[in-house]
Amino acid sequence: MTRVFIAIGCILTVATGAVLSQPDVLFSTALAKDKVIDYAGNDKAMNAAIAAARKSLPAFWKRFAKPAKDEVGFSIKVRISDGNFGEHFWTRDVEKNDDIIHAVIDNDPKNIKTVKKGQRIRVNSSDITDWMYWRGQKMHGAYTLRAMLPRIPKSQAEAFRVRLAPLP
């Protein structure tokens, strides 16, 4: 069985500074813990979230190409495999020129040895498993995060829920 690891806390990097001028303590605490959650490769809820994120990816690229003034923190989540393991990493500093995508890994690997936090990588569009950006104080996208909410501590889940915008 392939095991998949997904990090949630790296959203802090995307969310702090320019986006959240004065984030509440609960939200900051929930995001600061870069917890990796282990999912089986056949987890129905997570696979449905990934499928929905991939289906809506054209809407993300449209916003990415022409963001509104208050839209920032554009990020994609990518799956990277290394032997029997696969990990999903949020990225930052996304660049897209035609069909060529580059981004910087934004969390520390748990098991994957082929990448490290801060490394710039070329991304195959088939490896994108989620996307997100901020509009004002609301996080758009983040399909896999939504699927994780039942598996994280209640206070952290609530901190995320209040920041999540409705899905498109």
Protein backbone atom coordinates (compact mmCIF):
# COMPACT_ATOMS: atom_id res chain seq x y z
CA MET A 1 0.00 0.00 0.00
CA THR A 2 1.28 3.44 -0.85
CA ARG A 3 1.25 5.84 2.06
CA VAL A 4 0.66 9.52 1.56
CA PHE A 5 1.72 12.26 3.93
CA ILE A 6 0.12 15.68 3.82
CA ALA A 7 1.27 18.74 5.76
CA ILE A 8 -1.17 21.36 6.93
CA GLY A 9 0.81 23.91 8.90
CA CYS A 10 2.91 25.37 6.11
CA ILE A 11 -0.06 27.51 5.16
CA LEU A 12 1.29 29.82 7.86
CA THR A 13 4.08 30.88 5.50
CA VAL A 14 1.54 31.85 2.90
CA ALA A 15 -0.83 33.42 5.40
CA THR A 16 1.32 35.66 7.55
CA GLY A 17 2.77 39.06 6.89
CA ALA A 18 1.09 40.80 3.98
CA VAL A 19 -2.07 38.74 4.13
CA LEU A 20 -3.01 38.71 7.79
CA SER A 21 -1.90 41.95 9.34
CA GLN A 22 -3.08 40.95 12.81
CA PRO A 23 -3.94 37.23 12.81
CA ASP A 24 -5.76 36.04 15.87
CA VAL A 25 -3.76 33.94 18.32
CA LEU A 26 -5.80 30.78 17.78
CA PHE A 27 -5.31 30.91 14.02
CA SER A 28 -1.59 31.57 14.33
CA THR A 29 -1.18 28.72 16.79
CA ALA A 30 -3.11 26.31 14.60
CA LEU A 31 -1.03 27.17 11.56
CA ALA A 32 2.33 27.27 13.27
CA LYS A 33 2.36 23.53 13.92
CA ASP A 34 3.47 21.99 10.64
CA LYS A 35 1.81 18.68 11.35
CA VAL A 36 1.99 15.95 8.75
CA ILE A 37 -1.05 13.70 8.65
CA ASP A 38 -0.69 10.18 7.26
CA TYR A 39 -3.33 9.13 4.71
CA ALA A 40 -3.66 5.83 2.89
CA GLY A 41 -3.44 6.18 -0.87
CA ASN A 42 -7.03 4.96 -1.13
CA ASP A 43 -8.57 7.42 1.38
CA LYS A 44 -11.92 8.32 -0.24
CA ALA A 45 -12.35 11.77 1.30
CA MET A 46 -8.80 12.87 0.45
CA ASN A 47 -8.98 11.47 -3.09
CA ALA A 48 -12.29 13.26 -3.64
CA ALA A 49 -10.74 16.52 -2.39
CA ILE A 50 -7.77 16.11 -4.75
CA ALA A 51 -10.10 15.36 -7.67
CA ALA A 52 -12.19 18.47 -6.92
CA ALA A 53 -9.07 20.64 -6.62
CA ARG A 54 -7.75 19.37 -9.95
CA LYS A 55 -11.10 19.94 -11.63
CA SER A 56 -11.16 23.55 -10.41
CA LEU A 57 -7.50 24.26 -11.24
CA PRO A 58 -8.38 26.34 -14.35
CA ALA A 59 -10.22 28.80 -12.07
CA PHE A 60 -7.10 29.07 -9.90
CA TRP A 61 -4.84 29.76 -12.90
CA LYS A 62 -7.29 32.44 -14.10
CA ARG A 63 -7.07 34.24 -10.72
CA PHE A 64 -3.30 33.68 -10.62
CA ALA A 65 -2.87 35.34 -14.04
CA LYS A 66 -4.90 38.43 -13.09
CA PRO A 67 -5.28 38.70 -9.33
CA ALA A 68 -7.43 41.38 -7.75
CA LYS A 69 -5.67 43.85 -5.44
CA ASP A 70 -6.56 41.85 -2.34
CA GLU A 71 -5.68 38.41 -3.77
CA VAL A 72 -2.29 37.17 -2.56
CA GLY A 73 -0.49 34.07 -1.33
CA PHE A 74 -1.06 31.94 -4.43
CA SER A 75 0.12 28.40 -3.72
CA ILE A 76 -0.15 24.96 -5.23
CA LYS A 77 0.22 21.63 -3.48
CA VAL A 78 2.29 19.05 -5.32
CA ARG A 79 2.74 15.33 -4.84
CA ILE A 80 6.32 14.09 -4.91
CA SER A 81 7.13 10.37 -4.86
CA ASP A 82 10.24 8.70 -3.51
CA GLY A 83 10.14 4.90 -3.64
CA ASN A 84 7.10 3.64 -1.74
CA PHE A 85 6.23 7.00 -0.24
CA GLY A 86 4.43 10.00 -1.60
CA GLU A 87 4.21 13.35 0.14
CA HIS A 88 2.17 16.41 -0.71
CA PHE A 89 3.93 19.75 -0.28
CA TRP A 90 2.52 23.25 -0.29
CA THR A 91 4.66 25.58 -2.35
CA ARG A 92 5.29 29.31 -2.61
CA ASP A 93 6.71 31.64 -5.25
CA VAL A 94 4.72 29.93 -7.98
CA GLU A 95 5.63 30.83 -11.56
CA LYS A 96 3.73 29.72 -14.64
CA ASN A 97 4.87 30.45 -18.17
CA ASP A 98 2.66 28.73 -20.69
CA ASP A 99 2.67 25.11 -19.50
CA ILE A 100 5.90 25.32 -17.50
CA ILE A 101 5.38 25.63 -13.74
CA HIS A 102 8.00 26.25 -11.06
CA ALA A 103 7.50 26.66 -7.31
CA VAL A 104 9.41 26.53 -4.02
CA ILE A 105 8.78 23.70 -1.54
CA ASP A 106 7.32 25.31 1.59
CA ASN A 107 7.45 22.58 4.22
CA ASP A 108 9.94 20.05 5.51
CA PRO A 109 9.66 16.52 4.13
CA LYS A 110 8.78 13.71 6.51
CA ASN A 111 10.04 10.78 4.42
CA ILE A 112 10.90 12.07 0.97
CA LYS A 113 14.64 12.61 0.48
CA THR A 114 14.58 14.09 -3.04
CA VAL A 115 13.46 17.59 -2.03
CA LYS A 116 13.90 19.97 0.87
CA LYS A 117 12.15 23.04 2.17
CA GLY A 118 13.14 26.10 0.16
CA GLN A 119 14.05 24.11 -2.94
CA ARG A 120 12.77 25.42 -6.27
CA ILE A 121 11.26 22.65 -8.38
CA ARG A 122 9.67 22.21 -11.79
CA VAL A 123 6.10 21.00 -11.36
CA ASN A 124 4.26 18.68 -13.70
CA SER A 125 0.62 19.75 -13.81
CA SER A 126 -0.37 16.11 -13.18
CA ASP A 127 1.40 16.34 -9.79
CA ILE A 128 -0.74 19.27 -8.56
CA THR A 129 -3.12 18.04 -5.89
CA ASP A 130 -4.51 21.30 -4.50
CA TRP A 131 -4.34 25.07 -4.74
CA MET A 132 -5.11 28.06 -2.59
CA TYR A 133 -4.88 31.82 -2.39
CA TRP A 134 -6.05 34.54 -0.04
CA ARG A 135 -8.64 37.19 -0.82
CA GLY A 136 -8.66 39.57 2.09
CA GLN A 137 -8.97 37.45 5.24
CA LYS A 138 -10.37 34.36 3.46
CA MET A 139 -8.55 31.35 2.08
CA HIS A 140 -9.86 30.13 -1.29
CA GLY A 141 -9.40 26.57 -2.51
CA ALA A 142 -7.52 24.42 0.04
CA TYR A 143 -9.61 21.36 -0.80
CA THR A 144 -7.28 18.93 0.95
CA LEU A 145 -7.21 21.06 4.08
CA ARG A 146 -11.00 20.87 4.18
CA ALA A 147 -10.79 17.07 3.96
CA MET A 148 -8.34 17.05 6.91
CA LEU A 149 -10.50 19.10 9.27
CA PRO A 150 -12.19 16.08 10.88
CA ARG A 151 -8.76 14.60 11.72
CA ILE A 152 -7.14 17.58 13.41
CA PRO A 153 -7.81 18.97 16.90
CA LYS A 154 -11.17 20.71 17.13
CA SER A 155 -9.74 24.12 18.05
CA GLN A 156 -7.36 24.05 15.07
CA ALA A 157 -10.12 22.89 12.72
CA GLU A 158 -12.34 25.75 13.85
CA ALA A 159 -9.51 28.26 13.33
CA PHE A 160 -9.25 27.07 9.73
CA ARG A 161 -13.01 26.93 9.15
CA VAL A 162 -13.49 30.62 9.98
CA ARG A 163 -10.83 31.54 7.39
CA LEU A 164 -12.09 29.29 4.59
CA ALA A 165 -14.11 30.92 1.83
CA PRO A 166 -16.96 28.94 0.27
CA LEU A 167 -15.83 26.69 -2.57
CA PRO A 168 -16.49 27.87 -6.13
